[in-house]
Amino acid sequence: MKKYFHSARTLRHASPILVLFAALALFTHPSSAQISINGGIAVQSYVPPQWAPPYDNVSSVRYYYFPDYGIYYDVWDGLFWYLGPGNQWLSSPDLPQAYSGVDLSGAFIVLIDRDVARPWTNYSYYYRNYPQHGYDNYKDIVVRNRIVTNIAPGHELVPRAFNENSNRVTFMQRPVPNAPRVSNAPVNYNRVVHKVPMKAIAPSMPAQSRNLNYGRGYVRPTAAPNRGGAPGGRPAPNGGAPARGGNPHGGGNPHGGGNPHGGGNSHGGGK
């Protein structure tokens, strides 16, 4: 974001033709960005993909994490980031082949802290704090505790996202299927969206989850997550076995480190 606003400031006194060419240079991903010219200033606004659930301050959230697939999405650049051969992080405008049939409109998404850059560089932090299907308890808790009650007839409540920036879980309503859904079939959601504070969900989450972000809410680490050096393994490319370690988290205990949380602390940093 900073580079685009910097570019915008440099255009303040530029000629209209120069502004136009600069705007075209910035407009490299028409599916995810739009540029408008106001008073000789190029203003960049980012448009989330159609499969993303609604959320606030869309232009400030750059990265998504898909905990069920171990991949990231860079909204600003329109790129997916995933582990390739040799545990190298690769980027592509399309999903990796192993997930090409996945309908992302039904995927659970973590909207990452807007102050974090290149989150995949500290993948063990997200892998530990947002385990696969860790959100499965959310729906039952919200319905059982009557946190959300205005569910349309013939619809079910579905958790779609957790926003680290607001500490809220986004729920949407979709028609109850009469038959099992096909994985790549589009999901038609009700227009009503519910944003539930994690603090309303956390007290009913399993005890073992309450020291991790998916069970207690996001607690910003002392250092930015991508600067940490948390021990623990990564899942292998294409959703296979972990790349290293003797258990799903790559360490000598259930969470992969020298204490119950897998690192020097519960946030994956070096202290």
Protein backbone atom coordinates (compact mmCIF):
# COMPACT_ATOMS: atom_id res chain seq x y z
CA MET A 1 0.00 0.00 0.00
CA LYS A 2 2.78 2.42 0.89
CA LYS A 3 4.32 2.22 -2.56
CA TYR A 4 1.03 3.14 -4.22
CA PHE A 5 0.35 6.13 -1.98
CA HIS A 6 3.96 7.25 -2.48
CA SER A 7 3.40 7.07 -6.21
CA ALA A 8 0.18 9.02 -5.81
CA ARG A 9 1.93 11.83 -3.94
CA THR A 10 4.55 12.17 -6.66
CA LEU A 11 1.76 12.79 -9.18
CA ARG A 12 0.34 15.76 -7.31
CA HIS A 13 1.91 18.31 -9.65
CA ALA A 14 2.33 16.12 -12.71
CA SER A 15 0.76 16.83 -16.06
CA PRO A 16 -2.51 15.02 -16.95
CA ILE A 17 -0.69 12.89 -19.54
CA LEU A 18 1.97 11.87 -17.05
CA VAL A 19 -0.73 11.03 -14.51
CA LEU A 20 -2.48 8.83 -17.06
CA PHE A 21 0.67 6.88 -17.91
CA ALA A 22 1.56 6.48 -14.24
CA ALA A 23 -1.93 5.20 -13.49
CA LEU A 24 -1.65 2.65 -16.28
CA ALA A 25 1.69 1.53 -14.88
CA LEU A 26 0.17 0.98 -11.45
CA PHE A 27 -2.87 -0.80 -12.85
CA THR A 28 -1.19 -4.16 -13.30
CA HIS A 29 -3.96 -6.38 -11.87
CA PRO A 30 -7.33 -5.22 -13.21
CA SER A 31 -9.17 -8.02 -11.38
CA SER A 32 -8.03 -6.82 -7.96
CA ALA A 33 -7.39 -3.08 -8.25
CA GLN A 34 -8.96 0.07 -9.55
CA ILE A 35 -7.42 3.51 -10.04
CA SER A 36 -9.19 6.84 -10.07
CA ILE A 37 -7.67 10.25 -10.74
CA ASN A 38 -8.78 12.98 -8.35
CA GLY A 39 -7.25 16.42 -8.70
CA GLY A 40 -4.16 15.07 -10.42
CA ILE A 41 -3.63 12.35 -7.78
CA ALA A 42 -3.81 8.64 -8.61
CA VAL A 43 -5.78 6.82 -5.94
CA GLN A 44 -5.44 3.05 -5.70
CA SER A 45 -8.33 0.99 -4.32
CA TYR A 46 -8.29 -2.78 -4.03
CA VAL A 47 -11.30 -4.93 -4.81
CA PRO A 48 -11.56 -8.27 -3.01
CA PRO A 49 -12.26 -11.27 -5.24
CA GLN A 50 -15.87 -12.37 -5.62
CA TRP A 51 -15.33 -15.45 -3.48
CA ALA A 52 -14.18 -13.42 -0.44
CA PRO A 53 -16.71 -12.84 2.36
CA PRO A 54 -17.65 -9.22 3.11
CA TYR A 55 -15.39 -7.35 5.53
CA ASP A 56 -14.59 -3.80 6.58
CA ASN A 57 -11.71 -1.62 5.35
CA VAL A 58 -11.16 -3.79 2.29
CA SER A 59 -8.30 -1.71 0.92
CA SER A 60 -6.20 -2.12 4.08
CA VAL A 61 -6.25 -5.94 4.30
CA ARG A 62 -3.67 -7.38 1.95
CA TYR A 63 -3.31 -11.07 2.86
CA TYR A 64 -5.67 -14.01 3.40
CA TYR A 65 -4.76 -17.36 4.90
CA PHE A 66 -6.67 -20.55 4.08
CA PRO A 67 -6.09 -22.83 7.10
CA ASP A 68 -7.64 -25.89 5.44
CA TYR A 69 -5.23 -25.71 2.51
CA GLY A 70 -2.11 -24.05 3.94
CA ILE A 71 -2.04 -21.36 1.24
CA TYR A 72 -2.13 -17.56 1.20
CA TYR A 73 -3.65 -14.99 -1.11
CA ASP A 74 -2.21 -11.54 -1.78
CA VAL A 75 -5.22 -9.35 -2.60
CA TRP A 76 -3.14 -6.43 -3.85
CA ASP A 77 -1.14 -8.48 -6.32
CA GLY A 78 -3.84 -11.04 -7.09
CA LEU A 79 -1.53 -13.98 -6.32
CA PHE A 80 -1.79 -17.23 -4.37
CA TRP A 81 1.28 -18.31 -2.38
CA TYR A 82 1.85 -22.00 -1.69
CA LEU A 83 4.61 -24.49 -0.93
CA GLY A 84 6.11 -26.10 -4.01
CA PRO A 85 8.76 -28.79 -4.51
CA GLY A 86 11.68 -28.46 -2.14
CA ASN A 87 9.54 -26.44 0.31
CA GLN A 88 9.95 -23.31 -1.78
CA TRP A 89 7.17 -20.75 -1.69
CA LEU A 90 5.69 -20.19 -5.13
CA SER A 91 3.14 -17.69 -6.39
CA SER A 92 0.48 -17.97 -9.07
CA PRO A 93 -2.64 -16.08 -10.13
CA ASP A 94 -4.47 -19.41 -9.94
CA LEU A 95 -4.84 -22.01 -7.23
CA PRO A 96 -2.18 -24.73 -7.25
CA GLN A 97 -3.20 -27.75 -9.27
CA ALA A 98 -3.90 -29.86 -6.17
CA TYR A 99 -6.71 -27.44 -5.23
CA SER A 100 -7.89 -26.43 -8.69
CA GLY A 101 -11.38 -27.84 -8.03
CA VAL A 102 -11.89 -26.05 -4.72
CA ASP A 103 -14.72 -23.52 -4.55
CA LEU A 104 -13.22 -20.69 -2.52
CA SER A 105 -16.64 -19.18 -1.91
CA GLY A 106 -17.08 -21.97 0.63
CA ALA A 107 -13.58 -21.79 2.14
CA PHE A 108 -12.83 -20.40 5.59
CA ILE A 109 -10.43 -17.44 5.46
CA VAL A 110 -8.23 -15.67 8.01
CA LEU A 111 -7.94 -11.97 7.19
CA ILE A 112 -4.40 -11.25 8.35
CA ASP A 113 -3.27 -8.31 10.47
CA ARG A 114 -2.82 -5.35 8.12
CA ASP A 115 0.62 -4.60 9.62
CA VAL A 116 2.06 -7.99 8.66
CA ALA A 117 4.01 -8.43 5.41
CA ARG A 118 4.71 -11.70 3.58
CA PRO A 119 3.07 -13.90 6.24
CA TRP A 120 4.19 -17.14 4.59
CA THR A 121 7.73 -16.41 5.80
CA ASN A 122 6.52 -17.39 9.28
CA TYR A 123 4.21 -20.14 8.21
CA SER A 124 4.53 -22.17 11.43
CA TYR A 125 2.84 -19.31 13.32
CA TYR A 126 -0.31 -19.52 11.19
CA TYR A 127 -0.22 -23.31 10.94
CA ARG A 128 -0.22 -23.57 14.72
CA ASN A 129 -2.66 -20.76 15.55
CA TYR A 130 -5.21 -21.69 12.87
CA PRO A 131 -5.33 -25.49 12.53
CA GLN A 132 -7.38 -27.15 9.82
CA HIS A 133 -11.10 -26.95 10.64
CA GLY A 134 -10.34 -25.21 13.92
CA TYR A 135 -13.45 -23.11 13.25
CA ASP A 136 -15.77 -26.13 13.31
CA ASN A 137 -17.03 -25.25 16.81
CA TYR A 138 -18.00 -21.69 15.90
CA LYS A 139 -21.38 -22.45 14.35
CA ASP A 140 -22.60 -24.66 17.20
CA ILE A 141 -21.48 -22.14 19.83
CA VAL A 142 -23.19 -19.22 18.11
CA VAL A 143 -26.45 -21.12 17.56
CA ARG A 144 -26.52 -22.85 20.96
CA ASN A 145 -25.87 -19.61 22.85
CA ARG A 146 -28.36 -17.74 20.66
CA ILE A 147 -25.73 -15.20 19.63
CA VAL A 148 -27.27 -15.23 16.15
CA THR A 149 -31.00 -15.92 15.98
CA ASN A 150 -32.34 -14.36 12.77
CA ILE A 151 -31.50 -17.27 10.46
CA ALA A 152 -33.69 -17.43 7.38
CA PRO A 153 -35.97 -20.46 7.02
CA GLY A 154 -34.30 -23.27 5.10
CA HIS A 155 -30.84 -21.77 5.67
CA GLU A 156 -27.86 -22.71 7.81
CA LEU A 157 -25.22 -20.54 9.42
CA VAL A 158 -21.70 -20.89 8.01
CA PRO A 159 -18.46 -19.40 9.47
CA ARG A 160 -16.62 -17.79 6.56
CA ALA A 161 -13.78 -15.74 8.00
CA PHE A 162 -11.90 -14.55 11.06
CA ASN A 163 -10.62 -11.00 10.85
CA GLU A 164 -7.47 -10.41 12.92
CA ASN A 165 -7.97 -6.66 12.53
CA SER A 166 -11.37 -6.59 14.22
CA ASN A 167 -11.27 -9.87 16.18
CA ARG A 168 -14.62 -10.83 14.68
CA VAL A 169 -15.87 -13.96 12.96
CA THR A 170 -17.95 -13.45 9.82
CA PHE A 171 -20.92 -15.77 9.41
CA MET A 172 -23.07 -16.06 6.31
CA GLN A 173 -26.28 -17.96 5.62
CA ARG A 174 -26.65 -20.46 2.82
CA PRO A 175 -29.56 -22.68 1.80
CA VAL A 176 -29.49 -26.12 3.42
CA PRO A 177 -28.53 -28.47 0.58
CA ASN A 178 -30.94 -31.27 -0.26
CA ALA A 179 -28.01 -33.37 -1.42
CA PRO A 180 -24.26 -33.34 -0.74
CA ARG A 181 -22.60 -30.39 -2.43
CA VAL A 182 -20.16 -30.84 -5.27
CA SER A 183 -16.84 -29.30 -4.21
CA ASN A 184 -16.61 -26.94 -7.18
CA ALA A 185 -20.29 -25.94 -7.25
CA PRO A 186 -20.88 -22.25 -6.48
CA VAL A 187 -22.39 -21.32 -3.12
CA ASN A 188 -25.37 -18.97 -3.07
CA TYR A 189 -25.43 -17.08 0.22
CA ASN A 190 -28.21 -15.11 1.84
CA ARG A 191 -27.54 -11.36 1.79
CA VAL A 192 -27.57 -11.20 5.62
CA VAL A 193 -24.06 -11.20 7.11
CA HIS A 194 -23.30 -11.62 10.81
CA LYS A 195 -20.06 -10.40 12.42
CA VAL A 196 -19.64 -11.95 15.86
CA PRO A 197 -16.92 -10.79 18.28
CA MET A 198 -14.52 -13.59 19.10
CA LYS A 199 -14.89 -12.71 22.79
CA ALA A 200 -18.47 -14.00 22.56
CA ILE A 201 -17.25 -17.33 21.15
CA ALA A 202 -14.00 -17.88 23.07
CA PRO A 203 -15.52 -18.84 26.49
CA SER A 204 -17.22 -21.85 24.89
CA MET A 205 -14.22 -23.05 22.88
CA PRO A 206 -12.34 -26.19 23.96
CA ALA A 207 -9.80 -25.50 26.71
CA GLN A 208 -6.86 -26.63 24.55
CA SER A 209 -7.64 -23.92 22.00
CA ARG A 210 -7.64 -20.94 24.35
CA ASN A 211 -3.95 -20.16 24.02
CA LEU A 212 -4.15 -20.02 20.23
CA ASN A 213 -5.70 -17.40 18.00
CA TYR A 214 -8.49 -19.59 16.66
CA GLY A 215 -9.76 -20.25 20.20
CA ARG A 216 -9.18 -16.95 22.01
CA GLY A 217 -8.98 -14.31 19.32
CA TYR A 218 -6.00 -12.56 17.79
CA VAL A 219 -3.38 -11.18 20.17
CA ARG A 220 -0.75 -9.18 18.36
CA PRO A 221 2.70 -10.60 19.13
CA THR A 222 5.43 -8.43 20.60
CA ALA A 223 7.17 -8.72 17.22
CA ALA A 224 5.33 -8.96 13.93
CA PRO A 225 4.54 -12.64 13.18
CA ASN A 226 6.62 -12.69 10.01
CA ARG A 227 9.71 -11.73 12.00
CA GLY A 228 9.51 -14.67 14.36
CA GLY A 229 11.45 -17.87 14.07
CA ALA A 230 9.01 -20.35 15.49
CA PRO A 231 10.13 -23.97 15.42
CA GLY A 232 7.80 -26.59 14.08
CA GLY A 233 7.21 -28.24 10.75
CA ARG A 234 5.30 -27.12 7.71
CA PRO A 235 2.83 -29.22 5.79
CA ALA A 236 4.36 -30.60 2.64
CA PRO A 237 3.22 -29.21 -0.72
CA ASN A 238 -0.24 -30.24 -1.95
CA GLY A 239 -1.49 -30.98 1.54
CA GLY A 240 0.76 -33.96 2.17
CA ALA A 241 2.57 -35.00 5.32
CA PRO A 242 4.55 -32.41 7.27
CA ALA A 243 7.89 -31.56 5.75
CA ARG A 244 9.82 -32.41 8.87
CA GLY A 245 9.33 -33.51 12.46
CA GLY A 246 7.77 -36.56 14.02
CA ASN A 247 4.17 -35.36 14.31
CA PRO A 248 1.71 -33.05 12.49
CA HIS A 249 3.44 -29.96 13.86
CA GLY A 250 7.03 -31.08 13.38
CA GLY A 251 8.33 -31.27 16.93
CA GLY A 252 8.62 -33.57 19.90
CA ASN A 253 5.22 -32.90 21.43
CA PRO A 254 1.68 -32.29 20.11
CA HIS A 255 2.51 -28.71 19.15
CA GLY A 256 6.04 -29.16 17.85
CA GLY A 257 8.26 -27.27 20.27
CA GLY A 258 9.77 -27.32 23.71
CA ASN A 259 6.55 -26.32 25.44
CA PRO A 260 2.80 -26.87 24.89
CA HIS A 261 2.71 -24.15 22.23
CA GLY A 262 5.60 -25.21 20.03
CA GLY A 263 7.97 -22.30 20.35
CA GLY A 264 9.54 -19.87 22.76
CA ASN A 265 6.07 -18.49 23.37
CA SER A 266 2.53 -18.89 22.09
CA HIS A 267 3.09 -16.47 19.21
CA GLY A 268 5.97 -18.16 17.45
CA GLY A 269 8.56 -15.48 18.11
CA GLY A 270 12.07 -15.89 19.30
CA LYS A 271 11.41 -14.96 22.91
